[in-house]
Amino acid sequence: MKSSIQELAWKLWRRRGGLVGRILSVLLLPAEGFWRMAMSVRNQYFDRQCQYCIHGFPVVSVGNLAVGGTGKTPITSWIVSELRKAGSRPAILQGNSGADEALLHYHWTPRVPVLVESDRRLSLKKAKEVGADIAILDDGFQHRRVGRQVDLVVLAAEDDFSSPLLPRGPFREPVSALKRADAVVITRRTASYRDAEELGQRLLPVLSSGCVLGSLRFETARLTPLRNFPGIGDISQGLGPSEEVTLSNTSMGSEAGWKPLMENVLVLTAVGRSENVIATVGELTTGSVDMLSFADHYRFTEEDVTAARERAGSRPILVTEKDAVKLTSFAGLMTPCYVVEQQLVWDWGQNDVRSLLQHKAVT
């Protein structure tokens, strides 16, 4: 289950902690002040330093201001696909904070090397050694020891950008840090198109004159049985025989005459923002949605899966792709279990971001 500290943190950051949360927020003021000062000193240091780079080996950084859940990993995958279309040989440089994200990249782009290393300078050297000609620095906005040709920052339209910095709020840096960005992509799950537009307008005074701005949303593409979802051992083979429930025919949705899933479901998840998962699943079913939530990057055990199946009873279990890559070995214990696979759909700015990558990153 979500650790008590993480659960309390998100309640505090969402201002849902009641009286205890308000008291704790006041007590954390000195800690936030120290964090703010430390980040300011650190950024001033890197502003004056020559960053590590390899001549002729461009780097694209994809990062965020807030802690997790903005959609950074699928956007990294989109960038990788765009670079491959342009003839580049990208490698993904992943920190060692969560193996699930590295597994996701293996699933989405199995022919692209994913180098997991806390020292991004070391992984940059390794990327060149394995034959890549460009590196994608996943979660790289605050990892400033490595130079980059493109600094892309992902923001969630649902976030309150007046929220404090860590540990009182979810933000690693203030909005003013966006002046370093070459591109800002606003993502939305429950927010509207207009919300994204308004956020973009509010950000304009902060952004540098050449900064590219875009917006996209995440839509459910299909539900795939977990037993058909490739594990890390069979990713190179791609997806097996398809039994997925597609949104274009019998499963769910409403605008094109699809029938919503009528069943009650249980969501099993270990992500940073479980409320996003609940919102997504809530659009897929007219039944009730129960949730069993664990800490972000949590490694599921057989006991966890057995408990989930017992709690679900006859109800289907739904999991995200990030959860699925860690659960494939338990598929037999979880049936019926479906993976909610989502697709990235641009609202605006796609061509601008693509052009930026082609001009500043493609060798």
Protein backbone atom coordinates (compact mmCIF):
# COMPACT_ATOMS: atom_id res chain seq x y z
CA MET A 1 0.00 0.00 0.00
CA LYS A 2 1.12 3.54 -0.47
CA SER A 3 3.66 4.37 2.17
CA SER A 4 2.26 6.59 4.90
CA ILE A 5 4.86 9.26 4.12
CA GLN A 6 3.98 9.39 0.39
CA GLU A 7 0.26 9.39 1.12
CA LEU A 8 0.65 12.20 3.64
CA ALA A 9 2.84 14.17 1.22
CA TRP A 10 0.25 14.07 -1.56
CA LYS A 11 -2.52 15.06 0.83
CA LEU A 12 -0.38 17.95 1.99
CA TRP A 13 0.47 19.03 -1.54
CA ARG A 14 -3.16 18.82 -2.63
CA ARG A 15 -4.24 20.74 0.49
CA ARG A 16 -6.35 17.81 1.64
CA GLY A 17 -4.58 17.15 4.91
CA GLY A 18 -7.05 19.00 7.11
CA LEU A 19 -5.81 20.65 10.29
CA VAL A 20 -2.82 18.31 10.58
CA GLY A 21 -1.81 19.13 7.02
CA ARG A 22 -2.03 22.88 7.63
CA ILE A 23 0.09 22.61 10.78
CA LEU A 24 2.64 20.44 8.99
CA SER A 25 2.78 22.89 6.09
CA VAL A 26 3.68 25.70 8.49
CA LEU A 27 6.31 23.58 10.21
CA LEU A 28 7.89 22.78 6.84
CA LEU A 29 8.36 26.44 5.88
CA PRO A 30 12.03 26.51 6.98
CA ALA A 31 12.73 23.29 5.07
CA GLU A 32 11.16 24.75 1.92
CA GLY A 33 13.24 27.90 2.35
CA PHE A 34 16.41 25.84 2.62
CA TRP A 35 15.46 23.82 -0.48
CA ARG A 36 14.74 26.99 -2.45
CA MET A 37 18.07 28.51 -1.44
CA ALA A 38 19.97 25.30 -2.22
CA MET A 39 18.42 25.05 -5.69
CA SER A 40 19.19 28.71 -6.38
CA VAL A 41 22.85 28.30 -5.39
CA ARG A 42 23.10 25.08 -7.37
CA ASN A 43 21.64 26.66 -10.51
CA GLN A 44 23.95 29.67 -10.24
CA TYR A 45 26.87 27.27 -10.03
CA PHE A 46 25.83 25.37 -13.16
CA ASP A 47 25.04 28.60 -15.01
CA ARG A 48 28.75 29.43 -14.73
CA GLN A 49 30.13 25.92 -15.28
CA CYS A 50 31.03 24.18 -18.53
CA GLN A 51 28.82 21.11 -18.67
CA TYR A 52 30.04 17.68 -19.69
CA CYS A 53 29.51 16.86 -23.35
CA ILE A 54 30.87 14.69 -26.14
CA HIS A 55 31.69 16.56 -29.34
CA GLY A 56 29.27 15.72 -32.13
CA PHE A 57 27.00 13.75 -29.79
CA PRO A 58 23.82 15.78 -29.12
CA VAL A 59 21.66 15.39 -26.02
CA VAL A 60 17.93 16.02 -25.61
CA SER A 61 16.77 16.40 -22.00
CA VAL A 62 13.18 15.64 -21.02
CA GLY A 63 12.27 16.72 -17.51
CA ASN A 64 9.72 18.42 -15.32
CA LEU A 65 9.31 20.81 -12.42
CA ALA A 66 7.00 18.65 -10.32
CA VAL A 67 7.49 15.25 -8.73
CA GLY A 68 6.30 12.51 -11.10
CA GLY A 69 3.10 11.89 -13.01
CA THR A 70 3.33 14.56 -15.72
CA GLY A 71 3.69 12.18 -18.68
CA LYS A 72 7.42 12.61 -19.14
CA THR A 73 8.13 8.96 -19.96
CA PRO A 74 5.67 8.61 -22.90
CA ILE A 75 6.88 11.96 -24.28
CA THR A 76 10.43 10.62 -24.14
CA SER A 77 9.23 7.64 -26.15
CA TRP A 78 7.59 9.96 -28.70
CA ILE A 79 10.86 11.88 -29.09
CA VAL A 80 12.75 8.62 -29.59
CA SER A 81 10.32 7.62 -32.35
CA GLU A 82 10.64 11.00 -34.05
CA LEU A 83 14.45 10.83 -33.97
CA ARG A 84 14.42 7.32 -35.41
CA LYS A 85 12.16 8.47 -38.23
CA ALA A 86 14.74 11.17 -38.98
CA GLY A 87 17.44 8.51 -39.26
CA SER A 88 19.08 8.98 -35.87
CA ARG A 89 20.17 6.20 -33.52
CA PRO A 90 19.00 7.36 -30.08
CA ALA A 91 19.79 5.91 -26.67
CA ILE A 92 17.79 6.64 -23.52
CA LEU A 93 19.72 7.64 -20.39
CA GLN A 94 17.60 6.64 -17.41
CA GLY A 95 18.28 7.32 -13.75
CA ASN A 96 18.12 4.45 -11.30
CA SER A 97 15.14 5.76 -9.35
CA GLY A 98 12.65 3.36 -10.94
CA ALA A 99 13.24 0.25 -13.04
CA ASP A 100 9.61 0.27 -14.17
CA GLU A 101 10.20 3.28 -16.44
CA ALA A 102 13.22 1.60 -18.02
CA LEU A 103 11.08 -1.50 -18.62
CA LEU A 104 8.44 0.69 -20.24
CA HIS A 105 11.01 2.04 -22.69
CA TYR A 106 12.09 -1.53 -23.48
CA HIS A 107 8.44 -2.31 -24.19
CA TRP A 108 7.67 0.74 -26.32
CA THR A 109 10.96 0.94 -28.26
CA PRO A 110 12.66 -2.47 -27.91
CA ARG A 111 15.46 -1.72 -30.39
CA VAL A 112 16.61 1.42 -28.56
CA PRO A 113 19.26 1.00 -25.84
CA VAL A 114 18.19 2.06 -22.35
CA LEU A 115 21.13 2.82 -20.06
CA VAL A 116 20.26 2.92 -16.36
CA GLU A 117 22.91 4.81 -14.41
CA SER A 118 22.87 7.40 -11.65
CA ASP A 119 25.87 9.17 -13.22
CA ARG A 120 24.53 10.49 -16.52
CA ARG A 121 28.04 11.39 -17.68
CA LEU A 122 29.01 7.73 -17.51
CA SER A 123 25.85 6.62 -19.31
CA LEU A 124 26.51 9.24 -22.02
CA LYS A 125 29.89 7.62 -22.70
CA LYS A 126 28.26 4.18 -22.78
CA ALA A 127 25.61 5.42 -25.23
CA LYS A 128 28.28 6.36 -27.73
CA GLU A 129 30.05 3.05 -27.17
CA VAL A 130 26.92 1.03 -28.03
CA GLY A 131 26.50 2.85 -31.36
CA ALA A 132 24.02 5.62 -30.58
CA ASP A 133 24.47 9.04 -32.17
CA ILE A 134 22.12 10.99 -29.87
CA ALA A 135 21.10 10.63 -26.22
CA ILE A 136 17.74 11.28 -24.57
CA LEU A 137 18.19 12.30 -20.96
CA ASP A 138 15.03 11.08 -19.21
CA ASP A 139 14.19 13.22 -16.16
CA GLY A 140 17.11 15.48 -16.98
CA PHE A 141 16.00 19.05 -16.27
CA GLN A 142 17.66 19.11 -12.83
CA HIS A 143 20.59 16.88 -13.89
CA ARG A 144 22.70 19.76 -15.13
CA ARG A 145 26.15 18.13 -15.11
CA VAL A 146 25.47 16.94 -18.67
CA GLY A 147 25.11 19.55 -21.39
CA ARG A 148 22.21 19.39 -23.79
CA GLN A 149 21.14 20.84 -27.13
CA VAL A 150 17.43 20.72 -26.25
CA ASP A 151 15.89 21.15 -22.80
CA LEU A 152 12.23 20.06 -22.94
CA VAL A 153 10.09 20.44 -19.82
CA VAL A 154 6.78 18.64 -19.27
CA LEU A 155 4.06 20.29 -17.16
CA ALA A 156 0.70 18.87 -16.12
CA ALA A 157 -2.22 21.21 -16.73
CA GLU A 158 -3.87 19.83 -13.58
CA ASP A 159 -1.09 21.16 -11.34
CA ASP A 160 -1.41 24.28 -9.21
CA PHE A 161 1.68 26.28 -10.09
CA SER A 162 1.25 28.49 -7.06
CA SER A 163 2.08 25.46 -4.89
CA PRO A 164 5.23 25.59 -2.76
CA LEU A 165 8.51 23.80 -3.41
CA LEU A 166 9.60 20.56 -1.78
CA PRO A 167 8.93 19.41 0.85
CA ARG A 168 5.85 21.64 1.33
CA GLY A 169 4.77 21.20 -2.27
CA PRO A 170 5.41 18.92 -5.25
CA PHE A 171 7.75 21.25 -7.15
CA ARG A 172 11.50 20.76 -7.40
CA GLU A 173 12.01 24.26 -8.80
CA PRO A 174 9.90 27.40 -9.16
CA VAL A 175 8.20 28.26 -12.44
CA SER A 176 10.94 30.85 -13.09
CA ALA A 177 13.30 27.93 -13.85
CA LEU A 178 11.46 27.52 -17.16
CA LYS A 179 13.62 30.29 -18.56
CA ARG A 180 16.18 27.52 -19.18
CA ALA A 181 13.74 25.52 -21.31
CA ASP A 182 13.89 25.29 -25.11
CA ALA A 183 10.43 23.69 -25.20
CA VAL A 184 7.54 23.31 -22.76
CA VAL A 185 4.91 20.64 -23.34
CA ILE A 186 1.69 20.83 -21.32
CA THR A 187 0.01 17.49 -20.73
CA ARG A 188 -3.56 16.92 -19.66
CA ARG A 189 -5.60 14.00 -18.44
CA THR A 190 -8.60 15.55 -16.68
CA ALA A 191 -7.93 19.19 -17.62
CA SER A 192 -9.62 20.72 -20.66
CA TYR A 193 -8.13 22.08 -23.87
CA ARG A 194 -8.90 25.56 -22.60
CA ASP A 195 -7.07 24.86 -19.32
CA ALA A 196 -3.95 23.99 -21.29
CA GLU A 197 -4.29 27.10 -23.45
CA GLU A 198 -4.68 29.35 -20.43
CA LEU A 199 -1.67 27.80 -18.71
CA GLY A 200 0.37 28.36 -21.86
CA GLN A 201 -0.62 32.03 -21.89
CA ARG A 202 0.33 32.43 -18.24
CA LEU A 203 3.74 30.92 -18.90
CA LEU A 204 4.66 33.21 -21.80
CA PRO A 205 6.22 35.99 -19.65
CA VAL A 206 8.50 33.41 -18.00
CA LEU A 207 9.69 31.59 -21.12
CA SER A 208 12.68 32.63 -23.22
CA SER A 209 11.91 34.29 -26.55
CA GLY A 210 12.71 31.20 -28.62
CA CYS A 211 10.96 28.66 -26.41
CA VAL A 212 8.53 26.31 -28.19
CA LEU A 213 5.18 25.63 -26.53
CA GLY A 214 2.88 22.66 -27.10
CA SER A 215 0.05 20.71 -25.51
CA LEU A 216 -1.12 17.11 -25.66
CA ARG A 217 -3.55 14.75 -23.97
CA PHE A 218 -3.53 11.07 -23.11
CA GLU A 219 -6.34 8.89 -24.44
CA THR A 220 -7.04 5.23 -23.83
CA ALA A 221 -6.27 3.24 -26.97
CA ARG A 222 -7.16 -0.29 -25.89
CA LEU A 223 -7.38 -2.79 -23.06
CA THR A 224 -4.99 -5.71 -23.47
CA PRO A 225 -5.16 -8.86 -21.33
CA LEU A 226 -2.15 -8.93 -19.04
CA ARG A 227 -1.30 -12.44 -20.22
CA ASN A 228 -0.76 -11.01 -23.74
CA PHE A 229 1.33 -8.09 -22.54
CA PRO A 230 5.04 -8.81 -23.22
CA GLY A 231 7.32 -9.25 -20.25
CA ILE A 232 10.91 -8.11 -20.32
CA GLY A 233 11.99 -11.56 -21.53
CA ASP A 234 9.86 -11.51 -24.68
CA ILE A 235 9.81 -7.82 -25.56
CA SER A 236 11.98 -8.33 -28.62
CA GLN A 237 9.20 -10.48 -30.05
CA GLY A 238 6.62 -7.72 -29.79
CA LEU A 239 2.98 -8.28 -28.82
CA GLY A 240 1.58 -11.76 -29.22
CA PRO A 241 -1.76 -12.73 -30.76
CA SER A 242 -4.07 -9.83 -30.10
CA GLU A 243 -7.03 -10.26 -27.81
CA GLU A 244 -7.11 -6.61 -26.90
CA VAL A 245 -10.38 -4.82 -26.30
CA THR A 246 -10.17 -1.93 -28.74
CA LEU A 247 -11.99 1.33 -28.31
CA SER A 248 -13.02 1.31 -31.95
CA ASN A 249 -15.53 -1.50 -31.63
CA THR A 250 -17.11 -3.14 -28.61
CA SER A 251 -15.41 -1.87 -25.52
CA MET A 252 -16.04 1.63 -24.35
CA GLY A 253 -16.34 5.30 -25.10
CA SER A 254 -19.47 7.10 -26.18
CA GLU A 255 -18.95 9.63 -28.97
CA ALA A 256 -18.80 7.04 -31.77
CA GLY A 257 -21.45 4.75 -30.36
CA TRP A 258 -19.14 2.52 -28.33
CA LYS A 259 -20.69 0.78 -25.36
CA PRO A 260 -19.16 1.58 -21.99
CA LEU A 261 -17.78 -1.26 -19.92
CA MET A 262 -20.59 -2.05 -17.51
CA GLU A 263 -18.63 -4.02 -14.93
CA ASN A 264 -17.33 -2.94 -11.55
CA VAL A 265 -13.54 -3.06 -11.56
CA LEU A 266 -10.52 -3.04 -9.25
CA VAL A 267 -7.51 -0.88 -10.11
CA LEU A 268 -4.12 -2.17 -8.95
CA THR A 269 -1.44 0.48 -9.31
CA ALA A 270 1.90 1.79 -8.06
CA VAL A 271 2.29 5.23 -9.63
CA GLY A 272 2.99 8.71 -8.34
CA ARG A 273 -0.48 10.13 -9.00
CA SER A 274 -3.04 7.40 -8.53
CA GLU A 275 -5.88 9.93 -8.95
CA ASN A 276 -4.97 10.13 -12.65
CA VAL A 277 -5.49 6.38 -12.97
CA ILE A 278 -8.86 6.56 -11.22
CA ALA A 279 -9.95 9.39 -13.53
CA THR A 280 -8.92 7.41 -16.62
CA VAL A 281 -10.66 4.21 -15.53
CA GLY A 282 -13.73 6.20 -14.46
CA GLU A 283 -14.15 7.20 -18.11
CA LEU A 284 -14.01 3.57 -19.20
CA THR A 285 -16.71 2.08 -17.02
CA THR A 286 -20.15 2.95 -15.74
CA GLY A 287 -19.59 0.58 -12.82
CA SER A 288 -17.81 1.28 -9.55
CA VAL A 289 -14.02 1.68 -9.38
CA ASP A 290 -12.16 0.25 -6.40
CA MET A 291 -8.41 0.85 -6.00
CA LEU A 292 -5.51 -0.93 -4.37
CA SER A 293 -2.61 1.54 -4.45
CA PHE A 294 1.07 1.10 -3.64
CA ALA A 295 4.01 3.48 -3.49
CA ASP A 296 5.47 4.75 -6.77
CA HIS A 297 7.99 2.28 -8.30
CA TYR A 298 6.86 -0.42 -5.86
CA ARG A 299 7.83 -3.99 -6.81
CA PHE A 300 4.78 -6.22 -6.55
CA THR A 301 5.02 -9.57 -4.80
CA GLU A 302 2.95 -12.71 -5.21
CA GLU A 303 1.29 -11.92 -1.89
CA ASP A 304 0.23 -8.49 -3.21
CA VAL A 305 -1.23 -10.00 -6.36
CA THR A 306 -3.07 -12.73 -4.43
CA ALA A 307 -4.54 -10.11 -2.11
CA ALA A 308 -5.65 -8.05 -5.11
CA ARG A 309 -7.37 -11.04 -6.74
CA GLU A 310 -9.15 -11.91 -3.49
CA ARG A 311 -10.29 -8.33 -3.05
CA ALA A 312 -11.48 -8.11 -6.66
CA GLY A 313 -13.49 -11.33 -6.46
CA SER A 314 -15.07 -11.83 -9.87
CA ARG A 315 -14.36 -8.25 -10.94
CA PRO A 316 -11.74 -7.52 -13.63
CA ILE A 317 -8.47 -5.98 -12.46
CA LEU A 318 -7.16 -3.02 -14.47
CA VAL A 319 -3.51 -1.92 -14.40
CA THR A 320 -1.46 0.74 -16.17
CA GLU A 321 1.36 -0.06 -18.59
CA LYS A 322 3.85 1.09 -15.96
CA ASP A 323 2.41 -1.52 -13.58
CA ALA A 324 2.02 -4.20 -16.25
CA VAL A 325 5.74 -4.48 -17.02
CA LYS A 326 6.23 -5.59 -13.40
CA LEU A 327 3.19 -7.89 -13.26
CA THR A 328 3.48 -10.10 -16.35
CA SER A 329 4.95 -13.00 -14.35
CA PHE A 330 1.80 -12.96 -12.18
CA ALA A 331 -0.68 -12.89 -15.07
CA GLY A 332 -1.98 -16.35 -14.32
CA LEU A 333 -2.93 -15.31 -10.79
CA MET A 334 -4.70 -12.13 -11.88
CA THR A 335 -7.04 -13.21 -14.69
CA PRO A 336 -9.23 -11.47 -15.70
CA CYS A 337 -6.76 -8.57 -15.77
CA TYR A 338 -6.41 -5.88 -18.43
CA VAL A 339 -3.71 -3.33 -19.19
CA VAL A 340 -5.01 0.18 -19.91
CA GLU A 341 -2.84 1.22 -22.86
CA GLN A 342 -2.90 4.92 -23.67
CA GLN A 343 -1.87 6.96 -26.66
CA LEU A 344 -0.45 10.44 -26.88
CA VAL A 345 -2.57 12.90 -28.91
CA TRP A 346 -1.28 16.40 -29.62
CA ASP A 347 -3.57 19.40 -29.14
CA TRP A 348 -1.13 21.86 -30.68
CA GLY A 349 2.60 22.50 -31.06
CA GLN A 350 3.59 19.08 -32.39
CA ASN A 351 5.21 20.44 -35.55
CA ASP A 352 7.04 23.14 -33.59
CA VAL A 353 8.53 20.58 -31.21
CA ARG A 354 9.42 18.29 -34.10
CA SER A 355 11.10 21.16 -35.95
CA LEU A 356 13.07 22.09 -32.83
CA LEU A 357 14.38 18.54 -32.54
CA GLN A 358 15.33 18.41 -36.21
CA HIS A 359 17.18 21.73 -36.14
CA LYS A 360 18.99 21.44 -32.82
CA ALA A 361 19.41 17.73 -32.18
CA VAL A 362 19.46 15.66 -35.37
CA THR A 363 23.03 15.15 -36.53
